[in-house]
Amino acid sequence: MDSEAVCRTQFLEAVTRLGLQVSAKNSDAAMDGFSLPNDFYLKWGNETGKMLRSEIPLTANIPIQP
């Protein structure tokens, strides 16, 4: 079994032990009230990578708009 499958199995076992439920309803990306484009997290990750590589200044706010 590859490491991703092992992590997924361990996660599901932990969720089951805690009596939690995982479903599309409670794992919706817009559940916090913000509707973001599908590629927003890719853009966010790209910009944070630039900050970590010192290609752009490190700031408290990510310089992109959803």
N, C-alpha and C. Protein backbone atom coordinates (compact mmCIF):
# COMPACT_ATOMS: atom_id res chain seq x y z
N MET A 1 0.85 -1.17 0.00
CA MET A 1 0.00 0.00 0.00
C MET A 1 0.90 1.24 0.00
N ASP A 2 0.60 2.21 -0.85
CA ASP A 2 1.42 3.42 -0.91
C ASP A 2 1.12 4.32 0.29
N SER A 3 1.98 5.30 0.52
CA SER A 3 1.86 6.15 1.71
C SER A 3 0.57 6.96 1.72
N GLU A 4 0.09 7.37 0.54
CA GLU A 4 -1.16 8.13 0.49
C GLU A 4 -2.34 7.27 0.95
N ALA A 5 -2.35 6.03 0.51
CA ALA A 5 -3.42 5.12 0.92
C ALA A 5 -3.35 4.83 2.41
N VAL A 6 -2.15 4.70 2.95
CA VAL A 6 -1.98 4.47 4.38
C VAL A 6 -2.51 5.68 5.17
N CYS A 7 -2.16 6.89 4.74
CA CYS A 7 -2.64 8.10 5.42
C CYS A 7 -4.15 8.20 5.36
N ARG A 8 -4.72 7.91 4.20
CA ARG A 8 -6.17 7.97 4.04
C ARG A 8 -6.85 6.97 4.97
N THR A 9 -6.29 5.76 5.05
CA THR A 9 -6.84 4.73 5.93
C THR A 9 -6.75 5.15 7.39
N GLN A 10 -5.60 5.69 7.80
CA GLN A 10 -5.43 6.14 9.18
C GLN A 10 -6.38 7.28 9.50
N PHE A 11 -6.58 8.19 8.57
CA PHE A 11 -7.50 9.30 8.77
C PHE A 11 -8.92 8.78 8.98
N LEU A 12 -9.35 7.89 8.10
CA LEU A 12 -10.71 7.36 8.20
C LEU A 12 -10.91 6.56 9.49
N GLU A 13 -9.88 5.83 9.92
CA GLU A 13 -9.97 5.09 11.19
C GLU A 13 -10.10 6.06 12.36
N ALA A 14 -9.33 7.14 12.34
CA ALA A 14 -9.40 8.14 13.42
C ALA A 14 -10.76 8.82 13.45
N VAL A 15 -11.29 9.16 12.28
CA VAL A 15 -12.60 9.80 12.19
C VAL A 15 -13.67 8.86 12.76
N THR A 16 -13.57 7.58 12.42
CA THR A 16 -14.53 6.60 12.90
C THR A 16 -14.45 6.45 14.41
N ARG A 17 -13.23 6.38 14.95
CA ARG A 17 -13.06 6.25 16.40
C ARG A 17 -13.65 7.44 17.15
N LEU A 18 -13.52 8.62 16.57
CA LEU A 18 -14.04 9.82 17.21
C LEU A 18 -15.54 10.01 17.00
N GLY A 19 -16.13 9.18 16.16
CA GLY A 19 -17.56 9.27 15.91
C GLY A 19 -17.93 10.42 14.99
N LEU A 20 -16.98 10.89 14.19
CA LEU A 20 -17.24 11.99 13.26
C LEU A 20 -17.71 11.44 11.93
N GLN A 21 -18.34 12.29 11.17
CA GLN A 21 -18.77 11.89 9.83
C GLN A 21 -18.11 12.80 8.81
N VAL A 22 -17.67 12.22 7.71
CA VAL A 22 -17.09 12.99 6.62
C VAL A 22 -18.01 12.83 5.43
N SER A 23 -18.46 13.94 4.91
CA SER A 23 -19.33 13.89 3.74
C SER A 23 -19.06 15.11 2.88
N ALA A 24 -19.63 15.11 1.69
CA ALA A 24 -19.47 16.27 0.80
C ALA A 24 -20.06 17.51 1.44
N LYS A 25 -21.09 17.35 2.25
CA LYS A 25 -21.74 18.50 2.87
C LYS A 25 -20.81 19.22 3.85
N ASN A 26 -20.11 18.47 4.71
CA ASN A 26 -19.27 19.14 5.69
C ASN A 26 -17.82 19.30 5.25
N SER A 27 -17.52 18.97 4.02
CA SER A 27 -16.16 19.19 3.52
C SER A 27 -16.17 20.14 2.33
N ASP A 28 -17.24 20.90 2.19
CA ASP A 28 -17.38 21.85 1.09
C ASP A 28 -16.36 22.98 1.24
N ALA A 29 -15.68 23.30 0.18
CA ALA A 29 -14.67 24.36 0.22
C ALA A 29 -15.28 25.72 0.50
N ALA A 30 -16.55 25.90 0.22
CA ALA A 30 -17.22 27.19 0.43
C ALA A 30 -18.00 27.23 1.74
N MET A 31 -17.74 26.29 2.66
CA MET A 31 -18.52 26.21 3.88
C MET A 31 -18.27 27.40 4.81
N ASP A 32 -17.19 28.14 4.60
CA ASP A 32 -16.93 29.31 5.43
C ASP A 32 -17.63 30.56 4.90
N GLY A 33 -18.42 30.41 3.85
CA GLY A 33 -19.18 31.53 3.31
C GLY A 33 -18.50 32.24 2.15
N PHE A 34 -17.30 31.81 1.79
CA PHE A 34 -16.59 32.43 0.68
C PHE A 34 -16.58 31.48 -0.50
N SER A 35 -17.01 31.96 -1.63
CA SER A 35 -16.99 31.16 -2.84
C SER A 35 -15.77 31.55 -3.65
N LEU A 36 -14.84 30.63 -3.80
CA LEU A 36 -13.59 30.91 -4.51
C LEU A 36 -13.54 30.12 -5.81
N PRO A 37 -12.81 30.64 -6.80
CA PRO A 37 -12.63 29.89 -8.05
C PRO A 37 -11.90 28.57 -7.77
N ASN A 38 -12.11 27.58 -8.61
CA ASN A 38 -11.49 26.27 -8.42
C ASN A 38 -9.97 26.32 -8.34
N ASP A 39 -9.36 27.25 -9.07
CA ASP A 39 -7.90 27.30 -9.09
C ASP A 39 -7.31 28.29 -8.09
N PHE A 40 -8.12 28.83 -7.19
CA PHE A 40 -7.62 29.82 -6.24
C PHE A 40 -6.50 29.27 -5.38
N TYR A 41 -6.64 28.03 -4.89
CA TYR A 41 -5.62 27.47 -4.00
C TYR A 41 -4.31 27.20 -4.75
N LEU A 42 -4.40 26.92 -6.05
CA LEU A 42 -3.17 26.80 -6.84
C LEU A 42 -2.47 28.15 -6.95
N LYS A 43 -3.24 29.20 -7.19
CA LYS A 43 -2.66 30.54 -7.27
C LYS A 43 -2.07 30.95 -5.92
N TRP A 44 -2.80 30.64 -4.84
CA TRP A 44 -2.33 30.97 -3.50
C TRP A 44 -1.03 30.24 -3.19
N GLY A 45 -0.98 28.97 -3.54
CA GLY A 45 0.24 28.19 -3.32
C GLY A 45 1.41 28.71 -4.13
N ASN A 46 1.15 29.14 -5.35
CA ASN A 46 2.20 29.70 -6.19
C ASN A 46 2.79 30.96 -5.56
N GLU A 47 1.90 31.84 -5.08
CA GLU A 47 2.37 33.09 -4.47
C GLU A 47 3.11 32.84 -3.15
N THR A 48 2.63 31.91 -2.34
CA THR A 48 3.35 31.61 -1.10
C THR A 48 4.71 31.01 -1.38
N GLY A 49 4.79 30.19 -2.44
CA GLY A 49 6.09 29.64 -2.84
C GLY A 49 7.06 30.73 -3.24
N LYS A 50 6.57 31.73 -3.96
CA LYS A 50 7.43 32.87 -4.34
C LYS A 50 7.94 33.60 -3.10
N MET A 51 7.06 33.75 -2.09
CA MET A 51 7.49 34.40 -0.85
C MET A 51 8.56 33.59 -0.14
N LEU A 52 8.38 32.29 -0.08
CA LEU A 52 9.35 31.43 0.61
C LEU A 52 10.68 31.39 -0.12
N ARG A 53 10.65 31.56 -1.44
CA ARG A 53 11.90 31.59 -2.21
C ARG A 53 12.48 33.00 -2.32
N SER A 54 11.87 33.95 -1.61
CA SER A 54 12.30 35.36 -1.61
C SER A 54 12.23 36.00 -2.99
N GLU A 55 11.32 35.53 -3.84
CA GLU A 55 11.13 36.14 -5.15
C GLU A 55 10.25 37.37 -5.07
N ILE A 56 9.38 37.41 -4.06
CA ILE A 56 8.57 38.59 -3.78
C ILE A 56 8.65 38.83 -2.27
N PRO A 57 8.36 40.05 -1.82
CA PRO A 57 8.47 40.35 -0.39
C PRO A 57 7.48 39.51 0.45
N LEU A 58 7.91 39.13 1.63
CA LEU A 58 7.07 38.41 2.57
C LEU A 58 6.11 39.40 3.21
N THR A 59 4.82 39.16 3.06
CA THR A 59 3.80 40.03 3.62
C THR A 59 2.76 39.21 4.36
N ALA A 60 1.96 39.87 5.19
CA ALA A 60 0.90 39.21 5.94
C ALA A 60 -0.26 38.85 5.01
N ASN A 61 -0.45 39.59 3.95
CA ASN A 61 -1.53 39.34 3.01
C ASN A 61 -0.97 38.80 1.70
N ILE A 62 -1.61 37.73 1.21
CA ILE A 62 -1.20 37.14 -0.06
C ILE A 62 -1.66 38.11 -1.18
N PRO A 63 -0.77 38.50 -2.08
CA PRO A 63 -1.08 39.52 -3.08
C PRO A 63 -1.87 39.01 -4.29
N ILE A 64 -2.98 38.31 -4.04
CA ILE A 64 -3.83 37.87 -5.14
C ILE A 64 -5.29 38.13 -4.75
N GLN A 65 -6.13 38.21 -5.74
CA GLN A 65 -7.57 38.41 -5.51
C GLN A 65 -8.31 37.18 -6.02
N PRO A 66 -9.32 36.72 -5.28
CA PRO A 66 -10.08 35.55 -5.74
C PRO A 66 -10.89 35.85 -6.98
